[in-house]
Amino acid sequence: MQATYHLNTDDLTIDFLESIKTLFKQKTVEISIIDEDEEDFTFAHAIEQGLKSENVSKEELLKALNAS
């Protein structure tokens, strides 16, 4: 299971953390923090998703990136 949350740091509360713990009870999770104000957020996200995709090889992704 995967969940993505987009929120302001002011919205991070104990209740938010408890909801994640409930949703992923007894699981190991990975938490990534990305500053969405960065200029290259969309580009980095596309690369990350492409590398995770089973339909796209790393070589194909790199070739496509170099072509643009």
PDB file of N, CA and C in Angstrom:
ATOM      1  N   MET A   1       0.839  -1.172   0.000  1.00  0.00           N
ATOM      2  CA  MET A   1       0.000   0.000   0.000  1.00  0.00           C
ATOM      3  C   MET A   1       0.883   1.234   0.000  1.00  0.00           C
ATOM      4  N   GLN A   2       0.420   2.271  -0.696  1.00  0.00           N
ATOM      5  CA  GLN A   2       1.169   3.516  -0.769  1.00  0.00           C
ATOM      6  C   GLN A   2       0.226   4.680  -0.553  1.00  0.00           C
ATOM      7  N   ALA A   3       0.675   5.692   0.153  1.00  0.00           N
ATOM      8  CA  ALA A   3      -0.111   6.900   0.371  1.00  0.00           C
ATOM      9  C   ALA A   3       0.802   8.100   0.222  1.00  0.00           C
ATOM     10  N   THR A   4       0.297   9.156  -0.383  1.00  0.00           N
ATOM     11  CA  THR A   4       1.055  10.393  -0.537  1.00  0.00           C
ATOM     12  C   THR A   4       0.260  11.518   0.106  1.00  0.00           C
ATOM     13  N   TYR A   5       0.910  12.292   0.936  1.00  0.00           N
ATOM     14  CA  TYR A   5       0.280  13.424   1.607  1.00  0.00           C
ATOM     15  C   TYR A   5       1.013  14.696   1.195  1.00  0.00           C
ATOM     16  N   HIS A   6       0.266  15.706   0.844  1.00  0.00           N
ATOM     17  CA  HIS A   6       0.839  17.027   0.545  1.00  0.00           C
ATOM     18  C   HIS A   6       0.264  17.985   1.580  1.00  0.00           C
ATOM     19  N   LEU A   7       1.129  18.519   2.439  1.00  0.00           N
ATOM     20  CA  LEU A   7       0.638  19.408   3.478  1.00  0.00           C
ATOM     21  C   LEU A   7       1.722  20.361   3.929  1.00  0.00           C
ATOM     22  N   ASN A   8       1.295  21.392   4.605  1.00  0.00           N
ATOM     23  CA  ASN A   8       2.193  22.379   5.163  1.00  0.00           C
ATOM     24  C   ASN A   8       2.748  21.832   6.470  1.00  0.00           C
ATOM     25  N   THR A   9       3.974  22.203   6.800  1.00  0.00           N
ATOM     26  CA  THR A   9       4.576  21.705   8.037  1.00  0.00           C
ATOM     27  C   THR A   9       3.780  22.129   9.266  1.00  0.00           C
ATOM     28  N   ASP A  10       3.042  23.223   9.174  1.00  0.00           N
ATOM     29  CA  ASP A  10       2.197  23.647  10.292  1.00  0.00           C
ATOM     30  C   ASP A  10       1.079  22.650  10.566  1.00  0.00           C
ATOM     31  N   ASP A  11       0.764  21.802   9.579  1.00  0.00           N
ATOM     32  CA  ASP A  11      -0.303  20.816   9.724  1.00  0.00           C
ATOM     33  C   ASP A  11       0.186  19.479  10.275  1.00  0.00           C
ATOM     34  N   LEU A  12       1.493  19.353  10.491  1.00  0.00           N
ATOM     35  CA  LEU A  12       2.032  18.111  11.061  1.00  0.00           C
ATOM     36  C   LEU A  12       1.739  18.086  12.560  1.00  0.00           C
ATOM     37  N   THR A  13       0.942  17.120  12.955  1.00  0.00           N
ATOM     38  CA  THR A  13       0.550  17.005  14.358  1.00  0.00           C
ATOM     39  C   THR A  13       0.728  15.564  14.823  1.00  0.00           C
ATOM     40  N   ILE A  14       0.599  15.372  16.090  1.00  0.00           N
ATOM     41  CA  ILE A  14       0.622  14.018  16.656  1.00  0.00           C
ATOM     42  C   ILE A  14      -0.530  13.201  16.072  1.00  0.00           C
ATOM     43  N   ASP A  15      -1.675  13.839  15.869  1.00  0.00           N
ATOM     44  CA  ASP A  15      -2.823  13.132  15.283  1.00  0.00           C
ATOM     45  C   ASP A  15      -2.501  12.611  13.884  1.00  0.00           C
ATOM     46  N   PHE A  16      -1.763  13.405  13.103  1.00  0.00           N
ATOM     47  CA  PHE A  16      -1.360  12.974  11.764  1.00  0.00           C
ATOM     48  C   PHE A  16      -0.468  11.734  11.861  1.00  0.00           C
ATOM     49  N   LEU A  17       0.507  11.776  12.745  1.00  0.00           N
ATOM     50  CA  LEU A  17       1.404  10.634  12.932  1.00  0.00           C
ATOM     51  C   LEU A  17       0.636   9.405  13.414  1.00  0.00           C
ATOM     52  N   GLU A  18      -0.284   9.598  14.328  1.00  0.00           N
ATOM     53  CA  GLU A  18      -1.087   8.484  14.825  1.00  0.00           C
ATOM     54  C   GLU A  18      -1.939   7.873  13.707  1.00  0.00           C
ATOM     55  N   SER A  19      -2.434   8.715  12.789  1.00  0.00           N
ATOM     56  CA  SER A  19      -3.234   8.182  11.677  1.00  0.00           C
ATOM     57  C   SER A  19      -2.381   7.334  10.744  1.00  0.00           C
ATOM     58  N   ILE A  20      -1.126   7.728  10.536  1.00  0.00           N
ATOM     59  CA  ILE A  20      -0.212   6.926   9.720  1.00  0.00           C
ATOM     60  C   ILE A  20       0.070   5.598  10.428  1.00  0.00           C
ATOM     61  N   LYS A  21       0.297   5.660  11.714  1.00  0.00           N
ATOM     62  CA  LYS A  21       0.550   4.436  12.481  1.00  0.00           C
ATOM     63  C   LYS A  21      -0.644   3.488  12.416  1.00  0.00           C
ATOM     64  N   THR A  22      -1.850   4.037  12.441  1.00  0.00           N
ATOM     65  CA  THR A  22      -3.054   3.212  12.348  1.00  0.00           C
ATOM     66  C   THR A  22      -3.201   2.615  10.957  1.00  0.00           C
ATOM     67  N   LEU A  23      -2.972   3.436   9.942  1.00  0.00           N
ATOM     68  CA  LEU A  23      -3.120   2.984   8.561  1.00  0.00           C
ATOM     69  C   LEU A  23      -2.122   1.894   8.203  1.00  0.00           C
ATOM     70  N   PHE A  24      -0.899   2.000   8.702  1.00  0.00           N
ATOM     71  CA  PHE A  24       0.167   1.055   8.381  1.00  0.00           C
ATOM     72  C   PHE A  24       0.583   0.266   9.625  1.00  0.00           C
ATOM     73  N   LYS A  25      -0.388  -0.187  10.365  1.00  0.00           N
ATOM     74  CA  LYS A  25      -0.145  -0.867  11.641  1.00  0.00           C
ATOM     75  C   LYS A  25       0.838  -2.043  11.481  1.00  0.00           C
ATOM     76  N   GLN A  26       1.847  -2.048  12.346  1.00  0.00           N
ATOM     77  CA  GLN A  26       2.841  -3.119  12.409  1.00  0.00           C
ATOM     78  C   GLN A  26       3.645  -3.282  11.115  1.00  0.00           C
ATOM     79  N   LYS A  27       3.778  -2.215  10.327  1.00  0.00           N
ATOM     80  CA  LYS A  27       4.531  -2.260   9.066  1.00  0.00           C
ATOM     81  C   LYS A  27       5.769  -1.365   9.171  1.00  0.00           C
ATOM     82  N   THR A  28       6.761  -1.686   8.368  1.00  0.00           N
ATOM     83  CA  THR A  28       7.898  -0.796   8.202  1.00  0.00           C
ATOM     84  C   THR A  28       7.565   0.154   7.057  1.00  0.00           C
ATOM     85  N   VAL A  29       7.729   1.450   7.284  1.00  0.00           N
ATOM     86  CA  VAL A  29       7.386   2.436   6.262  1.00  0.00           C
ATOM     87  C   VAL A  29       8.599   3.299   5.935  1.00  0.00           C
ATOM     88  N   GLU A  30       8.554   3.897   4.788  1.00  0.00           N
ATOM     89  CA  GLU A  30       9.573   4.859   4.368  1.00  0.00           C
ATOM     90  C   GLU A  30       8.917   6.224   4.305  1.00  0.00           C
ATOM     91  N   ILE A  31       9.547   7.212   4.919  1.00  0.00           N
ATOM     92  CA  ILE A  31       9.011   8.570   4.897  1.00  0.00           C
ATOM     93  C   ILE A  31      10.025   9.460   4.197  1.00  0.00           C
ATOM     94  N   SER A  32       9.588  10.103   3.110  1.00  0.00           N
ATOM     95  CA  SER A  32      10.441  11.036   2.360  1.00  0.00           C
ATOM     96  C   SER A  32       9.890  12.440   2.528  1.00  0.00           C
ATOM     97  N   ILE A  33      10.769  13.385   2.757  1.00  0.00           N
ATOM     98  CA  ILE A  33      10.365  14.779   2.876  1.00  0.00           C
ATOM     99  C   ILE A  33      10.900  15.514   1.656  1.00  0.00           C
ATOM    100  N   ILE A  34       9.997  16.159   0.920  1.00  0.00           N
ATOM    101  CA  ILE A  34      10.381  16.897  -0.285  1.00  0.00           C
ATOM    102  C   ILE A  34       9.865  18.317  -0.154  1.00  0.00           C
ATOM    103  N   ASP A  35      10.747  19.271  -0.320  1.00  0.00           N
ATOM    104  CA  ASP A  35      10.357  20.681  -0.313  1.00  0.00           C
ATOM    105  C   ASP A  35       9.723  20.984  -1.661  1.00  0.00           C
ATOM    106  N   GLU A  36       8.416  21.139  -1.680  1.00  0.00           N
ATOM    107  CA  GLU A  36       7.706  21.319  -2.942  1.00  0.00           C
ATOM    108  C   GLU A  36       7.946  22.681  -3.574  1.00  0.00           C
ATOM    109  N   ASP A  37       8.647  23.562  -2.884  1.00  0.00           N
ATOM    110  CA  ASP A  37       8.963  24.863  -3.459  1.00  0.00           C
ATOM    111  C   ASP A  37      10.190  24.803  -4.366  1.00  0.00           C
ATOM    112  N   GLU A  38      10.869  23.663  -4.387  1.00  0.00           N
ATOM    113  CA  GLU A  38      12.044  23.527  -5.240  1.00  0.00           C
ATOM    114  C   GLU A  38      11.631  23.536  -6.703  1.00  0.00           C
ATOM    115  N   GLU A  39      12.432  24.186  -7.536  1.00  0.00           N
ATOM    116  CA  GLU A  39      12.114  24.300  -8.961  1.00  0.00           C
ATOM    117  C   GLU A  39      12.037  22.956  -9.657  1.00  0.00           C
ATOM    118  N   ASP A  40      12.872  22.029  -9.265  1.00  0.00           N
ATOM    119  CA  ASP A  40      12.937  20.763  -9.985  1.00  0.00           C
ATOM    120  C   ASP A  40      12.142  19.641  -9.321  1.00  0.00           C
ATOM    121  N   PHE A  41      11.181  19.972  -8.448  1.00  0.00           N
ATOM    122  CA  PHE A  41      10.404  18.933  -7.783  1.00  0.00           C
ATOM    123  C   PHE A  41       9.710  18.033  -8.795  1.00  0.00           C
ATOM    124  N   THR A  42       9.022  18.614  -9.764  1.00  0.00           N
ATOM    125  CA  THR A  42       8.272  17.821 -10.739  1.00  0.00           C
ATOM    126  C   THR A  42       9.212  16.915 -11.533  1.00  0.00           C
ATOM    127  N   PHE A  43      10.354  17.452 -11.924  1.00  0.00           N
ATOM    128  CA  PHE A  43      11.326  16.676 -12.685  1.00  0.00           C
ATOM    129  C   PHE A  43      11.859  15.509 -11.854  1.00  0.00           C
ATOM    130  N   ALA A  44      12.231  15.773 -10.613  1.00  0.00           N
ATOM    131  CA  ALA A  44      12.763  14.720  -9.734  1.00  0.00           C
ATOM    132  C   ALA A  44      11.702  13.666  -9.453  1.00  0.00           C
ATOM    133  N   HIS A  45      10.476  14.095  -9.274  1.00  0.00           N
ATOM    134  CA  HIS A  45       9.389  13.154  -9.012  1.00  0.00           C
ATOM    135  C   HIS A  45       9.170  12.244 -10.223  1.00  0.00           C
ATOM    136  N   ALA A  46       9.227  12.815 -11.422  1.00  0.00           N
ATOM    137  CA  ALA A  46       9.049  12.023 -12.636  1.00  0.00           C
ATOM    138  C   ALA A  46      10.157  10.977 -12.770  1.00  0.00           C
ATOM    139  N   ILE A  47      11.364  11.359 -12.458  1.00  0.00           N
ATOM    140  CA  ILE A  47      12.482  10.407 -12.511  1.00  0.00           C
ATOM    141  C   ILE A  47      12.266   9.293 -11.498  1.00  0.00           C
ATOM    142  N   GLU A  48      11.893   9.662 -10.280  1.00  0.00           N
ATOM    143  CA  GLU A  48      11.670   8.663  -9.236  1.00  0.00           C
ATOM    144  C   GLU A  48      10.579   7.677  -9.640  1.00  0.00           C
ATOM    145  N   GLN A  49       9.473   8.183 -10.151  1.00  0.00           N
ATOM    146  CA  GLN A  49       8.371   7.314 -10.546  1.00  0.00           C
ATOM    147  C   GLN A  49       8.767   6.442 -11.737  1.00  0.00           C
ATOM    148  N   GLY A  50       9.527   7.005 -12.666  1.00  0.00           N
ATOM    149  CA  GLY A  50       9.982   6.235 -13.814  1.00  0.00           C
ATOM    150  C   GLY A  50      10.892   5.091 -13.418  1.00  0.00           C
ATOM    151  N   LEU A  51      11.764   5.341 -12.458  1.00  0.00           N
ATOM    152  CA  LEU A  51      12.677   4.293 -12.002  1.00  0.00           C
ATOM    153  C   LEU A  51      11.942   3.197 -11.235  1.00  0.00           C
ATOM    154  N   LYS A  52      10.825   3.549 -10.589  1.00  0.00           N
ATOM    155  CA  LYS A  52      10.039   2.558  -9.852  1.00  0.00           C
ATOM    156  C   LYS A  52       9.142   1.741 -10.773  1.00  0.00           C
ATOM    157  N   SER A  53       8.876   2.263 -11.951  1.00  0.00           N
ATOM    158  CA  SER A  53       7.952   1.611 -12.878  1.00  0.00           C
ATOM    159  C   SER A  53       8.545   0.311 -13.395  1.00  0.00           C
ATOM    160  N   GLU A  54       7.713  -0.693 -13.457  1.00  0.00           N
ATOM    161  CA  GLU A  54       8.153  -1.973 -14.001  1.00  0.00           C
ATOM    162  C   GLU A  54       8.123  -1.958 -15.523  1.00  0.00           C
ATOM    163  N   ASN A  55       7.471  -0.952 -16.102  1.00  0.00           N
ATOM    164  CA  ASN A  55       7.311  -0.888 -17.552  1.00  0.00           C
ATOM    165  C   ASN A  55       8.425  -0.104 -18.239  1.00  0.00           C
ATOM    166  N   VAL A  56       9.249   0.592 -17.462  1.00  0.00           N
ATOM    167  CA  VAL A  56      10.294   1.428 -18.046  1.00  0.00           C
ATOM    168  C   VAL A  56      11.636   1.013 -17.459  1.00  0.00           C
ATOM    169  N   SER A  57      12.583   0.717 -18.333  1.00  0.00           N
ATOM    170  CA  SER A  57      13.914   0.371 -17.840  1.00  0.00           C
ATOM    171  C   SER A  57      14.694   1.648 -17.539  1.00  0.00           C
ATOM    172  N   LYS A  58      15.706   1.531 -16.719  1.00  0.00           N
ATOM    173  CA  LYS A  58      16.546   2.680 -16.382  1.00  0.00           C
ATOM    174  C   LYS A  58      17.175   3.263 -17.641  1.00  0.00           C
ATOM    175  N   GLU A  59      17.601   2.405 -18.540  1.00  0.00           N
ATOM    176  CA  GLU A  59      18.228   2.859 -19.777  1.00  0.00           C
ATOM    177  C   GLU A  59      17.242   3.650 -20.647  1.00  0.00           C
ATOM    178  N   GLU A  60      15.995   3.164 -20.748  1.00  0.00           N
ATOM    179  CA  GLU A  60      14.979   3.863 -21.528  1.00  0.00           C
ATOM    180  C   GLU A  60      14.680   5.236 -20.934  1.00  0.00           C
ATOM    181  N   LEU A  61      14.608   5.295 -19.614  1.00  0.00           N
ATOM    182  CA  LEU A  61      14.334   6.567 -18.957  1.00  0.00           C
ATOM    183  C   LEU A  61      15.465   7.557 -19.195  1.00  0.00           C
ATOM    184  N   LEU A  62      16.702   7.114 -19.037  1.00  0.00           N
ATOM    185  CA  LEU A  62      17.840   7.989 -19.262  1.00  0.00           C
ATOM    186  C   LEU A  62      17.901   8.466 -20.709  1.00  0.00           C
ATOM    187  N   LYS A  63      17.590   7.580 -21.647  1.00  0.00           N
ATOM    188  CA  LYS A  63      17.584   7.951 -23.064  1.00  0.00           C
ATOM    189  C   LYS A  63      16.534   9.030 -23.328  1.00  0.00           C
ATOM    190  N   ALA A  64      15.346   8.870 -22.746  1.00  0.00           N
ATOM    191  CA  ALA A  64      14.274   9.845 -22.924  1.00  0.00           C
ATOM    192  C   ALA A  64      14.647  11.199 -22.293  1.00  0.00           C
ATOM    193  N   LEU A  65      15.289  11.158 -21.122  1.00  0.00           N
ATOM    194  CA  LEU A  65      15.687  12.394 -20.470  1.00  0.00           C
ATOM    195  C   LEU A  65      16.756  13.141 -21.260  1.00  0.00           C
ATOM    196  N   ASN A  66      17.681  12.401 -21.846  1.00  0.00           N
ATOM    197  CA  ASN A  66      18.731  13.020 -22.637  1.00  0.00           C
ATOM    198  C   ASN A  66      18.211  13.596 -23.952  1.00  0.00           C
ATOM    199  N   ALA A  67      17.120  13.052 -24.446  1.00  0.00           N
ATOM    200  CA  ALA A  67      16.532  13.530 -25.707  1.00  0.00           C
ATOM    201  C   ALA A  67      15.808  14.846 -25.517  1.00  0.00           C
ATOM    202  N   SER A  68      15.368  15.133 -24.280  1.00  0.00           N
ATOM    203  CA  SER A  68      14.581  16.369 -24.061  1.00  0.00           C
ATOM    204  C   SER A  68      15.425  17.556 -23.717  1.00  0.00           C
TER     205      SER A  68
END
